[in-house]
Amino acid sequence: QVQLVESGGGLVQTGGSLRLSCAASGTIFFINTMGWYRQAPGNQRELVASITYFGTTTYVDSVKGRFTISRDNAKNTVHLQMNSLKLEDTAVYYCKAEQRAMNYWGKGTLVTVSS
């Protein structure tokens, strides 16, 4: 089992920045992909950004150029630097890790962007 704990959410004004962090612990062999998803009220959970063990990244179009995902394999952590935040970025952000064909999720951290 892999446990994921997110941190760094909060309230920020439009145009501001936040940095989310996720730490993995437990029985870790090789975490292939780590990623950030988000879910706004009334919406489905969507992929925001992901990063493989070797550093290949993927972003949803709406955050390209504003968000940056990074990873520290030695510490089993993943971060999401969010700049130029918009109202529509408001959501609960979830960390996900893939290991041995299993998906593990954190409990989420709330990001609220206000005008």
C-alpha atoms as a PDB file:
ATOM      1  CA  GLN A   1       0.000   0.000   0.000  1.00  0.00           C
ATOM      2  CA  VAL A   2       1.055   3.522  -0.803  1.00  0.00           C
ATOM      3  CA  GLN A   3      -0.201   6.471   1.174  1.00  0.00           C
ATOM      4  CA  LEU A   4      -0.278   9.947  -0.324  1.00  0.00           C
ATOM      5  CA  VAL A   5      -0.571  13.177   1.609  1.00  0.00           C
ATOM      6  CA  GLU A   6      -1.120  16.486  -0.155  1.00  0.00           C
ATOM      7  CA  SER A   7      -0.347  19.917   1.206  1.00  0.00           C
ATOM      8  CA  GLY A   8      -0.154  23.504   0.036  1.00  0.00           C
ATOM      9  CA  GLY A   9      -3.723  24.327  -0.861  1.00  0.00           C
ATOM     10  CA  GLY A  10      -5.417  27.476   0.270  1.00  0.00           C
ATOM     11  CA  LEU A  11      -7.039  30.735  -0.736  1.00  0.00           C
ATOM     12  CA  VAL A  12      -5.363  32.939  -3.296  1.00  0.00           C
ATOM     13  CA  GLN A  13      -6.405  35.871  -5.463  1.00  0.00           C
ATOM     14  CA  THR A  14      -6.532  35.708  -9.226  1.00  0.00           C
ATOM     15  CA  GLY A  15      -3.075  36.023 -10.694  1.00  0.00           C
ATOM     16  CA  GLY A  16      -1.468  34.618  -7.590  1.00  0.00           C
ATOM     17  CA  SER A  17       0.580  31.481  -7.063  1.00  0.00           C
ATOM     18  CA  LEU A  18       0.441  28.344  -4.966  1.00  0.00           C
ATOM     19  CA  ARG A  19       2.695  25.310  -4.704  1.00  0.00           C
ATOM     20  CA  LEU A  20       1.147  21.953  -3.980  1.00  0.00           C
ATOM     21  CA  SER A  21       3.166  19.076  -2.604  1.00  0.00           C
ATOM     22  CA  CYS A  22       2.432  15.387  -2.289  1.00  0.00           C
ATOM     23  CA  ALA A  23       4.471  12.922  -0.292  1.00  0.00           C
ATOM     24  CA  ALA A  24       4.254   9.178  -0.829  1.00  0.00           C
ATOM     25  CA  SER A  25       4.961   6.675   1.926  1.00  0.00           C
ATOM     26  CA  GLY A  26       4.339   3.037   2.721  1.00  0.00           C
ATOM     27  CA  THR A  27       5.412   0.094   0.601  1.00  0.00           C
ATOM     28  CA  ILE A  28       7.163   1.732  -2.297  1.00  0.00           C
ATOM     29  CA  PHE A  29       8.886  -0.320  -4.970  1.00  0.00           C
ATOM     30  CA  PHE A  30       8.760   1.798  -8.098  1.00  0.00           C
ATOM     31  CA  ILE A  31       6.231   4.534  -8.597  1.00  0.00           C
ATOM     32  CA  ASN A  32       5.906   4.961 -12.333  1.00  0.00           C
ATOM     33  CA  THR A  33       3.700   7.986 -12.842  1.00  0.00           C
ATOM     34  CA  MET A  34       2.651  10.608 -10.327  1.00  0.00           C
ATOM     35  CA  GLY A  35       0.080  13.193 -11.130  1.00  0.00           C
ATOM     36  CA  TRP A  36      -2.287  15.878 -10.024  1.00  0.00           C
ATOM     37  CA  TYR A  37      -5.992  15.782 -10.702  1.00  0.00           C
ATOM     38  CA  ARG A  38      -8.673  18.249  -9.754  1.00  0.00           C
ATOM     39  CA  GLN A  39     -12.384  18.228  -9.242  1.00  0.00           C
ATOM     40  CA  ALA A  40     -14.535  21.320  -9.108  1.00  0.00           C
ATOM     41  CA  PRO A  41     -18.097  21.215  -7.754  1.00  0.00           C
ATOM     42  CA  GLY A  42     -20.402  19.624 -10.277  1.00  0.00           C
ATOM     43  CA  ASN A  43     -17.542  18.551 -12.507  1.00  0.00           C
ATOM     44  CA  GLN A  44     -15.763  15.305 -13.111  1.00  0.00           C
ATOM     45  CA  ARG A  45     -12.269  14.774 -11.847  1.00  0.00           C
ATOM     46  CA  GLU A  46      -9.762  15.741 -14.507  1.00  0.00           C
ATOM     47  CA  LEU A  47      -6.063  15.281 -15.026  1.00  0.00           C
ATOM     48  CA  VAL A  48      -4.112  18.487 -14.498  1.00  0.00           C
ATOM     49  CA  ALA A  49      -0.548  17.275 -14.920  1.00  0.00           C
ATOM     50  CA  SER A  50       1.461  14.102 -14.656  1.00  0.00           C
ATOM     51  CA  ILE A  51       5.107  13.137 -14.595  1.00  0.00           C
ATOM     52  CA  THR A  52       6.789   9.799 -15.114  1.00  0.00           C
ATOM     53  CA  TYR A  53       9.690   8.476 -13.087  1.00  0.00           C
ATOM     54  CA  PHE A  54      12.013   9.611 -15.865  1.00  0.00           C
ATOM     55  CA  GLY A  55      10.556  13.102 -16.039  1.00  0.00           C
ATOM     56  CA  THR A  56       8.181  13.018 -18.969  1.00  0.00           C
ATOM     57  CA  THR A  57       5.399  15.482 -18.288  1.00  0.00           C
ATOM     58  CA  THR A  58       1.841  15.937 -19.496  1.00  0.00           C
ATOM     59  CA  TYR A  59      -0.435  18.921 -18.934  1.00  0.00           C
ATOM     60  CA  VAL A  60      -4.056  19.660 -19.652  1.00  0.00           C
ATOM     61  CA  ASP A  61      -4.259  22.488 -22.174  1.00  0.00           C
ATOM     62  CA  SER A  62      -5.876  24.911 -19.745  1.00  0.00           C
ATOM     63  CA  VAL A  63      -2.818  24.988 -17.460  1.00  0.00           C
ATOM     64  CA  LYS A  64       0.005  24.879 -19.995  1.00  0.00           C
ATOM     65  CA  GLY A  65       2.399  27.736 -19.448  1.00  0.00           C
ATOM     66  CA  ARG A  66       1.036  28.414 -15.967  1.00  0.00           C
ATOM     67  CA  PHE A  67       1.555  25.194 -14.001  1.00  0.00           C
ATOM     68  CA  THR A  68       4.722  23.165 -13.615  1.00  0.00           C
ATOM     69  CA  ILE A  69       4.909  19.652 -12.234  1.00  0.00           C
ATOM     70  CA  SER A  70       8.116  18.337 -10.723  1.00  0.00           C
ATOM     71  CA  ARG A  71       9.198  15.263  -8.874  1.00  0.00           C
ATOM     72  CA  ASP A  72      11.873  14.138  -6.438  1.00  0.00           C
ATOM     73  CA  ASN A  73      12.265  10.386  -6.849  1.00  0.00           C
ATOM     74  CA  ALA A  74      14.613  10.083  -3.885  1.00  0.00           C
ATOM     75  CA  LYS A  75      12.020  11.630  -1.583  1.00  0.00           C
ATOM     76  CA  ASN A  76       8.967  10.178  -3.334  1.00  0.00           C
ATOM     77  CA  THR A  77       7.423  13.595  -3.642  1.00  0.00           C
ATOM     78  CA  VAL A  78       5.685  15.450  -6.434  1.00  0.00           C
ATOM     79  CA  HIS A  79       4.978  19.153  -6.620  1.00  0.00           C
ATOM     80  CA  LEU A  80       2.725  21.376  -8.645  1.00  0.00           C
ATOM     81  CA  GLN A  81       3.745  24.998  -9.012  1.00  0.00           C
ATOM     82  CA  MET A  82       0.680  26.975 -10.008  1.00  0.00           C
ATOM     83  CA  ASN A  83       1.133  30.511 -11.303  1.00  0.00           C
ATOM     84  CA  SER A  84      -1.257  33.040 -12.787  1.00  0.00           C
ATOM     85  CA  LEU A  85      -4.149  31.338 -11.081  1.00  0.00           C
ATOM     86  CA  LYS A  86      -7.629  31.875 -12.472  1.00  0.00           C
ATOM     87  CA  LEU A  87     -11.068  31.572 -10.934  1.00  0.00           C
ATOM     88  CA  GLU A  88     -11.624  28.387 -12.915  1.00  0.00           C
ATOM     89  CA  ASP A  89      -8.663  26.743 -11.180  1.00  0.00           C
ATOM     90  CA  THR A  90     -10.726  26.520  -8.016  1.00  0.00           C
ATOM     91  CA  ALA A  91     -11.086  22.845  -7.131  1.00  0.00           C
ATOM     92  CA  VAL A  92      -9.978  20.088  -4.842  1.00  0.00           C
ATOM     93  CA  TYR A  93      -6.620  18.877  -6.084  1.00  0.00           C
ATOM     94  CA  TYR A  94      -5.750  15.229  -5.705  1.00  0.00           C
ATOM     95  CA  CYS A  95      -2.404  13.495  -5.945  1.00  0.00           C
ATOM     96  CA  LYS A  96      -2.241  10.140  -7.681  1.00  0.00           C
ATOM     97  CA  ALA A  97       0.523   7.557  -7.871  1.00  0.00           C
ATOM     98  CA  GLU A  98       0.759   4.483 -10.049  1.00  0.00           C
ATOM     99  CA  GLN A  99       2.716   1.460  -8.852  1.00  0.00           C
ATOM    100  CA  ARG A 100       2.509  -2.105 -10.151  1.00  0.00           C
ATOM    101  CA  ALA A 101      -0.699  -1.391 -12.062  1.00  0.00           C
ATOM    102  CA  MET A 102      -2.344  -0.003  -8.924  1.00  0.00           C
ATOM    103  CA  ASN A 103      -3.546   3.552  -8.530  1.00  0.00           C
ATOM    104  CA  TYR A 104      -3.302   5.318  -5.206  1.00  0.00           C
ATOM    105  CA  TRP A 105      -4.977   8.599  -4.315  1.00  0.00           C
ATOM    106  CA  GLY A 106      -4.537  11.224  -1.694  1.00  0.00           C
ATOM    107  CA  LYS A 107      -7.453  12.801   0.132  1.00  0.00           C
ATOM    108  CA  GLY A 108      -7.110  16.084  -1.694  1.00  0.00           C
ATOM    109  CA  THR A 109      -6.300  19.684  -0.897  1.00  0.00           C
ATOM    110  CA  LEU A 110      -8.617  22.592  -1.631  1.00  0.00           C
ATOM    111  CA  VAL A 111      -7.489  25.433  -3.836  1.00  0.00           C
ATOM    112  CA  THR A 112      -9.750  28.463  -3.904  1.00  0.00           C
ATOM    113  CA  VAL A 113      -9.055  31.339  -6.264  1.00  0.00           C
ATOM    114  CA  SER A 114     -10.941  34.535  -5.540  1.00  0.00           C
ATOM    115  CA  SER A 115     -11.349  37.774  -7.470  1.00  0.00           C
END
